[in-house]
Amino acid sequence: MPGPTRILIVDDDPQVGRLLSRYLEREGFTIQVAHSANQMRAALKGFPADLLILDLGLPGDDGFTLTREIRRDSSVGIIILTDKDEPVDRVVGLELGADDYVTKPFDERELLARIRTVLRRTQNRSPCRVAQPGSEQPPAVRFAEWRLDLGARELISQSGEAVELTSMEFELLSVLISNPNRVMSRDQLLERCTGRSWDPFDRAIDTLMVKLRRKLESDPKHPQIIKTVRGAGYVFTPTVQRA
């Protein structure tokens, strides 16, 4: 039988660490707290976390740097918890690979719901573990003049040039490719990519779409691959073929 879910809280505010620890332990989670980037790295060596709750404003390396570092070799769930509520910070956090972004002050019950949502989405991932060589990889697909390797997470042009995608750009493109010629609302796209609901003031999907179109479209101002459906969302128009 699997043991309790392990959550590592990384926050330089001891009060936040104590508050979250008490609350989440009452909900049945096993908790460990780190107050800096170095403490987080040391903790992960002996604490195979299923989820990280990560503050942005840490001494030493900040939360963005740590999210990028963790995502290089791990698919552990990450929730950024911060007092920064700028849209650009939210987008950057999600692009770097965070699964959700929660601002302080927060409601404990809402945070708990978001934790459970992220855990449901990441339960099939291997926490803090690099994928093993020789394991079966997803296929590659072709569309328009592009090839997307779903295992290597690489976008290749017709000339063979690799185009770098952020984690969230890859997730967004994968969702669209899986639903060709189907209008997808912002709410559907954000839920599929991050597991959370869209609200009218959340511009994360629109910002990501602009960046993705710049990489895919020959004329991003008049897109032909990902078209906007006014008042409804976006639609991926090319035929998708398994490579």
Foldseek 3Di string as FASTA:
>chain_A
DDAAAEEEEEALDVVVVVVLCVVVVVVPHHYDYHDAPVSVVVCCVPGLHQEYAAEQDGPDHGPLVVLLVQVVFFLRAYEYEYQDDDLVVQLSSVLSPHLYYHYPPDDSVVVVVLVVLSCVVCVPTRGSGGDDPPDDFDFWKDWDQWIAGRRVRWIAGVVGDTDDGGLLLSQLVVVQLVPAPDFDAPQRSSCSRRVDGDDPVNCSVVVSLLVSLVVPAPDSVCRDQWDADPPGHIHGYTDMGTD
